[in-house]
């Protein structure tokens, strides 16, 4: 049973999340041959102030 935990910064629309779930599911079915009903995908939205990379907060990076 594949379990995918996808973390993204906040701001994706419901339609974008729906498309992400559809596309990831298609990929797992196509590559691993798993049944869609066995695939679990969790999307966690992280505030840009709570995500950092390259020595800075994502919120600071986005305002450059």
PDB file of N, CA and C in Angstrom:
ATOM      1  N   UNK A   1       0.851  -1.179   0.000  1.00  0.00           N
ATOM      2  CA  UNK A   1       0.000   0.000   0.000  1.00  0.00           C
ATOM      3  C   UNK A   1       0.890   1.234   0.000  1.00  0.00           C
ATOM      4  N   UNK A   2       1.041   1.902  -1.140  1.00  0.00           N
ATOM      5  CA  UNK A   2       1.854   3.115  -1.168  1.00  0.00           C
ATOM      6  C   UNK A   2       1.230   4.247  -0.355  1.00  0.00           C
ATOM      7  N   UNK A   3       2.083   4.923   0.384  1.00  0.00           N
ATOM      8  CA  UNK A   3       1.687   6.105   1.154  1.00  0.00           C
ATOM      9  C   UNK A   3       2.633   7.223   0.769  1.00  0.00           C
ATOM     10  N   UNK A   4       2.078   8.306   0.249  1.00  0.00           N
ATOM     11  CA  UNK A   4       2.878   9.446  -0.163  1.00  0.00           C
ATOM     12  C   UNK A   4       2.507  10.630   0.708  1.00  0.00           C
ATOM     13  N   UNK A   5       3.504  11.255   1.321  1.00  0.00           N
ATOM     14  CA  UNK A   5       3.295  12.454   2.131  1.00  0.00           C
ATOM     15  C   UNK A   5       3.985  13.602   1.407  1.00  0.00           C
ATOM     16  N   UNK A   6       3.192  14.492   0.840  1.00  0.00           N
ATOM     17  CA  UNK A   6       3.712  15.609   0.065  1.00  0.00           C
ATOM     18  C   UNK A   6       3.580  16.881   0.885  1.00  0.00           C
ATOM     19  N   UNK A   7       4.683  17.561   1.088  1.00  0.00           N
ATOM     20  CA  UNK A   7       4.673  18.823   1.829  1.00  0.00           C
ATOM     21  C   UNK A   7       4.927  19.961   0.857  1.00  0.00           C
ATOM     22  N   UNK A   8       4.026  20.948   0.884  1.00  0.00           N
ATOM     23  CA  UNK A   8       4.143  22.119   0.019  1.00  0.00           C
ATOM     24  C   UNK A   8       3.871  23.363   0.849  1.00  0.00           C
ATOM     25  N   UNK A   9       4.328  24.507   0.357  1.00  0.00           N
ATOM     26  CA  UNK A   9       3.971  25.737   1.047  1.00  0.00           C
ATOM     27  C   UNK A   9       2.507  26.047   0.764  1.00  0.00           C
ATOM     28  N   UNK A  10       1.888  26.761   1.700  1.00  0.00           N
ATOM     29  CA  UNK A  10       0.466  27.081   1.589  1.00  0.00           C
ATOM     30  C   UNK A  10       0.185  27.885   0.329  1.00  0.00           C
ATOM     31  N   UNK A  11      -1.025  27.706  -0.189  1.00  0.00           N
ATOM     32  CA  UNK A  11      -1.446  28.522  -1.313  1.00  0.00           C
ATOM     33  C   UNK A  11      -2.001  27.751  -2.495  1.00  0.00           C
ATOM     34  N   UNK A  12      -1.860  26.433  -2.512  1.00  0.00           N
ATOM     35  CA  UNK A  12      -2.404  25.657  -3.625  1.00  0.00           C
ATOM     36  C   UNK A  12      -3.929  25.621  -3.527  1.00  0.00           C
ATOM     37  N   UNK A  13      -4.571  25.728  -4.660  1.00  0.00           N
ATOM     38  CA  UNK A  13      -6.041  25.669  -4.691  1.00  0.00           C
ATOM     39  C   UNK A  13      -6.510  24.219  -4.572  1.00  0.00           C
ATOM     40  N   UNK A  14      -7.776  24.053  -4.308  1.00  0.00           N
ATOM     41  CA  UNK A  14      -8.364  22.708  -4.237  1.00  0.00           C
ATOM     42  C   UNK A  14      -8.168  21.988  -5.571  1.00  0.00           C
ATOM     43  N   UNK A  15      -8.360  22.703  -6.676  1.00  0.00           N
ATOM     44  CA  UNK A  15      -8.200  22.105  -8.005  1.00  0.00           C
ATOM     45  C   UNK A  15      -6.758  21.667  -8.250  1.00  0.00           C
ATOM     46  N   UNK A  16      -5.806  22.457  -7.803  1.00  0.00           N
ATOM     47  CA  UNK A  16      -4.403  22.078  -7.954  1.00  0.00           C
ATOM     48  C   UNK A  16      -4.093  20.831  -7.137  1.00  0.00           C
ATOM     49  N   UNK A  17      -4.607  20.770  -5.919  1.00  0.00           N
ATOM     50  CA  UNK A  17      -4.388  19.589  -5.075  1.00  0.00           C
ATOM     51  C   UNK A  17      -5.035  18.357  -5.702  1.00  0.00           C
ATOM     52  N   UNK A  18      -6.216  18.530  -6.240  1.00  0.00           N
ATOM     53  CA  UNK A  18      -6.919  17.425  -6.907  1.00  0.00           C
ATOM     54  C   UNK A  18      -6.075  16.893  -8.064  1.00  0.00           C
ATOM     55  N   UNK A  19      -5.511  17.796  -8.851  1.00  0.00           N
ATOM     56  CA  UNK A  19      -4.676  17.407  -9.992  1.00  0.00           C
ATOM     57  C   UNK A  19      -3.408  16.694  -9.522  1.00  0.00           C
ATOM     58  N   UNK A  20      -2.810  17.186  -8.444  1.00  0.00           N
ATOM     59  CA  UNK A  20      -1.618  16.533  -7.889  1.00  0.00           C
ATOM     60  C   UNK A  20      -1.939  15.095  -7.497  1.00  0.00           C
ATOM     61  N   UNK A  21      -3.058  14.899  -6.799  1.00  0.00           N
ATOM     62  CA  UNK A  21      -3.449  13.555  -6.357  1.00  0.00           C
ATOM     63  C   UNK A  21      -3.697  12.658  -7.564  1.00  0.00           C
ATOM     64  N   UNK A  22      -4.390  13.175  -8.570  1.00  0.00           N
ATOM     65  CA  UNK A  22      -4.663  12.384  -9.776  1.00  0.00           C
ATOM     66  C   UNK A  22      -3.370  11.978 -10.473  1.00  0.00           C
ATOM     67  N   UNK A  23      -2.456  12.926 -10.643  1.00  0.00           N
ATOM     68  CA  UNK A  23      -1.218  12.651 -11.374  1.00  0.00           C
ATOM     69  C   UNK A  23      -0.289  11.717 -10.609  1.00  0.00           C
ATOM     70  N   UNK A  24      -0.155  11.914  -9.307  1.00  0.00           N
ATOM     71  CA  UNK A  24       0.688  11.013  -8.513  1.00  0.00           C
ATOM     72  C   UNK A  24       0.102   9.604  -8.541  1.00  0.00           C
ATOM     73  N   UNK A  25      -1.213   9.507  -8.421  1.00  0.00           N
ATOM     74  CA  UNK A  25      -1.869   8.194  -8.464  1.00  0.00           C
ATOM     75  C   UNK A  25      -1.587   7.510  -9.796  1.00  0.00           C
ATOM     76  N   UNK A  26      -1.735   8.228 -10.910  1.00  0.00           N
ATOM     77  CA  UNK A  26      -1.459   7.652 -12.235  1.00  0.00           C
ATOM     78  C   UNK A  26      -0.015   7.160 -12.326  1.00  0.00           C
ATOM     79  N   UNK A  27       0.904   7.919 -11.770  1.00  0.00           N
ATOM     80  CA  UNK A  27       2.316   7.539 -11.815  1.00  0.00           C
ATOM     81  C   UNK A  27       2.565   6.253 -11.034  1.00  0.00           C
ATOM     82  N   UNK A  28       2.018   6.157  -9.846  1.00  0.00           N
ATOM     83  CA  UNK A  28       2.216   4.958  -9.016  1.00  0.00           C
ATOM     84  C   UNK A  28       1.582   3.740  -9.685  1.00  0.00           C
ATOM     85  N   UNK A  29       0.398   3.917 -10.263  1.00  0.00           N
ATOM     86  CA  UNK A  29      -0.261   2.820 -10.983  1.00  0.00           C
ATOM     87  C   UNK A  29       0.602   2.391 -12.167  1.00  0.00           C
ATOM     88  N   UNK A  30       1.082   3.363 -12.954  1.00  0.00           N
ATOM     89  CA  UNK A  30       1.864   3.060 -14.148  1.00  0.00           C
ATOM     90  C   UNK A  30       3.230   2.470 -13.868  1.00  0.00           C
ATOM     91  N   UNK A  31       3.898   2.957 -12.839  1.00  0.00           N
ATOM     92  CA  UNK A  31       5.265   2.516 -12.554  1.00  0.00           C
ATOM     93  C   UNK A  31       5.290   1.257 -11.692  1.00  0.00           C
ATOM     94  N   UNK A  32       4.458   1.233 -10.659  1.00  0.00           N
ATOM     95  CA  UNK A  32       4.495   0.111  -9.712  1.00  0.00           C
ATOM     96  C   UNK A  32       3.380  -0.906  -9.913  1.00  0.00           C
ATOM     97  N   UNK A  33       2.393  -0.565 -10.747  1.00  0.00           N
ATOM     98  CA  UNK A  33       1.291  -1.495 -10.983  1.00  0.00           C
ATOM     99  C   UNK A  33       0.342  -1.633  -9.803  1.00  0.00           C
ATOM    100  N   UNK A  34       0.310  -0.644  -8.932  1.00  0.00           N
ATOM    101  CA  UNK A  34      -0.568  -0.693  -7.765  1.00  0.00           C
ATOM    102  C   UNK A  34      -1.982  -0.282  -8.134  1.00  0.00           C
ATOM    103  N   UNK A  35      -2.958  -0.762  -7.378  1.00  0.00           N
ATOM    104  CA  UNK A  35      -4.350  -0.378  -7.590  1.00  0.00           C
ATOM    105  C   UNK A  35      -4.581   1.004  -6.980  1.00  0.00           C
ATOM    106  N   UNK A  36      -5.326   1.876  -7.689  1.00  0.00           N
ATOM    107  CA  UNK A  36      -5.573   3.221  -7.160  1.00  0.00           C
ATOM    108  C   UNK A  36      -6.173   3.222  -5.758  1.00  0.00           C
ATOM    109  N   UNK A  37      -7.040   2.265  -5.471  1.00  0.00           N
ATOM    110  CA  UNK A  37      -7.692   2.232  -4.155  1.00  0.00           C
ATOM    111  C   UNK A  37      -6.734   1.863  -3.025  1.00  0.00           C
ATOM    112  N   UNK A  38      -5.510   1.469  -3.366  1.00  0.00           N
ATOM    113  CA  UNK A  38      -4.514   1.150  -2.350  1.00  0.00           C
ATOM    114  C   UNK A  38      -3.506   2.278  -2.133  1.00  0.00           C
ATOM    115  N   UNK A  39      -3.670   3.352  -2.880  1.00  0.00           N
ATOM    116  CA  UNK A  39      -2.712   4.461  -2.820  1.00  0.00           C
ATOM    117  C   UNK A  39      -3.261   5.571  -1.926  1.00  0.00           C
ATOM    118  N   UNK A  40      -2.463   5.967  -0.954  1.00  0.00           N
ATOM    119  CA  UNK A  40      -2.844   7.039  -0.027  1.00  0.00           C
ATOM    120  C   UNK A  40      -1.898   8.210  -0.221  1.00  0.00           C
ATOM    121  N   UNK A  41      -2.471   9.400  -0.374  1.00  0.00           N
ATOM    122  CA  UNK A  41      -1.675  10.606  -0.570  1.00  0.00           C
ATOM    123  C   UNK A  41      -2.139  11.655   0.434  1.00  0.00           C
ATOM    124  N   UNK A  42      -1.196  12.194   1.180  1.00  0.00           N
ATOM    125  CA  UNK A  42      -1.488  13.243   2.149  1.00  0.00           C
ATOM    126  C   UNK A  42      -0.740  14.497   1.702  1.00  0.00           C
ATOM    127  N   UNK A  43      -1.474  15.598   1.588  1.00  0.00           N
ATOM    128  CA  UNK A  43      -0.846  16.871   1.251  1.00  0.00           C
ATOM    129  C   UNK A  43      -0.843  17.726   2.516  1.00  0.00           C
ATOM    130  N   UNK A  44       0.350  18.087   2.950  1.00  0.00           N
ATOM    131  CA  UNK A  44       0.497  18.949   4.117  1.00  0.00           C
ATOM    132  C   UNK A  44       0.953  20.313   3.625  1.00  0.00           C
ATOM    133  N   UNK A  45       0.215  21.334   4.010  1.00  0.00           N
ATOM    134  CA  UNK A  45       0.600  22.691   3.651  1.00  0.00           C
ATOM    135  C   UNK A  45       1.369  23.320   4.808  1.00  0.00           C
ATOM    136  N   UNK A  46       2.522  23.849   4.493  1.00  0.00           N
ATOM    137  CA  UNK A  46       3.400  24.442   5.478  1.00  0.00           C
ATOM    138  C   UNK A  46       3.444  25.952   5.228  1.00  0.00           C
ATOM    139  N   UNK A  47       3.299  26.723   6.269  1.00  0.00           N
ATOM    140  CA  UNK A  47       3.400  28.166   6.136  1.00  0.00           C
ATOM    141  C   UNK A  47       4.817  28.536   5.702  1.00  0.00           C
ATOM    142  N   UNK A  48       4.931  29.526   4.824  1.00  0.00           N
ATOM    143  CA  UNK A  48       6.243  29.931   4.305  1.00  0.00           C
ATOM    144  C   UNK A  48       7.185  30.402   5.413  1.00  0.00           C
ATOM    145  N   UNK A  49       6.628  30.863   6.544  1.00  0.00           N
ATOM    146  CA  UNK A  49       7.465  31.243   7.686  1.00  0.00           C
ATOM    147  C   UNK A  49       8.016  30.025   8.424  1.00  0.00           C
ATOM    148  N   UNK A  50       7.456  28.852   8.153  1.00  0.00           N
ATOM    149  CA  UNK A  50       7.869  27.622   8.827  1.00  0.00           C
ATOM    150  C   UNK A  50       8.701  26.714   7.929  1.00  0.00           C
ATOM    151  N   UNK A  51       9.165  27.234   6.806  1.00  0.00           N
ATOM    152  CA  UNK A  51       9.941  26.452   5.848  1.00  0.00           C
ATOM    153  C   UNK A  51      11.182  27.248   5.494  1.00  0.00           C
ATOM    154  N   UNK A  52      12.311  26.630   5.566  1.00  0.00           N
ATOM    155  CA  UNK A  52      13.533  27.334   5.234  1.00  0.00           C
ATOM    156  C   UNK A  52      14.421  26.513   4.322  1.00  0.00           C
ATOM    157  N   UNK A  53      15.223  27.200   3.543  1.00  0.00           N
ATOM    158  CA  UNK A  53      16.226  26.546   2.708  1.00  0.00           C
ATOM    159  C   UNK A  53      17.296  27.563   2.355  1.00  0.00           C
ATOM    160  N   UNK A  54      18.446  27.085   2.068  1.00  0.00           N
ATOM    161  CA  UNK A  54      19.561  27.942   1.665  1.00  0.00           C
ATOM    162  C   UNK A  54      19.831  29.050   2.682  1.00  0.00           C
ATOM    163  N   UNK A  55      19.584  28.759   3.957  1.00  0.00           N
ATOM    164  CA  UNK A  55      19.883  29.706   5.019  1.00  0.00           C
ATOM    165  C   UNK A  55      18.860  30.807   5.223  1.00  0.00           C
ATOM    166  N   UNK A  56      17.669  30.665   4.625  1.00  0.00           N
ATOM    167  CA  UNK A  56      16.663  31.706   4.797  1.00  0.00           C
ATOM    168  C   UNK A  56      15.258  31.109   4.831  1.00  0.00           C
ATOM    169  N   UNK A  57      14.331  31.876   5.396  1.00  0.00           N
ATOM    170  CA  UNK A  57      12.939  31.450   5.394  1.00  0.00           C
ATOM    171  C   UNK A  57      12.367  31.585   3.986  1.00  0.00           C
ATOM    172  N   UNK A  58      11.491  30.677   3.629  1.00  0.00           N
ATOM    173  CA  UNK A  58      10.862  30.734   2.319  1.00  0.00           C
ATOM    174  C   UNK A  58      10.107  32.046   2.121  1.00  0.00           C
ATOM    175  N   UNK A  59       9.464  32.540   3.176  1.00  0.00           N
ATOM    176  CA  UNK A  59       8.735  33.802   3.077  1.00  0.00           C
ATOM    177  C   UNK A  59       9.666  34.949   2.681  1.00  0.00           C
ATOM    178  N   UNK A  60      10.900  34.941   3.198  1.00  0.00           N
ATOM    179  CA  UNK A  60      11.865  35.970   2.813  1.00  0.00           C
ATOM    180  C   UNK A  60      12.305  35.789   1.366  1.00  0.00           C
ATOM    181  N   UNK A  61      12.510  34.555   0.968  1.00  0.00           N
ATOM    182  CA  UNK A  61      12.912  34.266  -0.411  1.00  0.00           C
ATOM    183  C   UNK A  61      11.849  34.749  -1.400  1.00  0.00           C
ATOM    184  N   UNK A  62      10.584  34.528  -1.071  1.00  0.00           N
ATOM    185  CA  UNK A  62       9.487  34.883  -1.981  1.00  0.00           C
ATOM    186  C   UNK A  62       9.301  36.386  -2.122  1.00  0.00           C
ATOM    187  N   UNK A  63       9.823  37.144  -1.172  1.00  0.00           N
ATOM    188  CA  UNK A  63       9.649  38.608  -1.236  1.00  0.00           C
ATOM    189  C   UNK A  63      10.867  39.312  -1.845  1.00  0.00           C
ATOM    190  N   UNK A  64      11.826  38.566  -2.301  1.00  0.00           N
ATOM    191  CA  UNK A  64      13.023  39.169  -2.922  1.00  0.00           C
ATOM    192  C   UNK A  64      12.688  39.734  -4.285  1.00  0.00           C
TER     193      UNK A  64
END
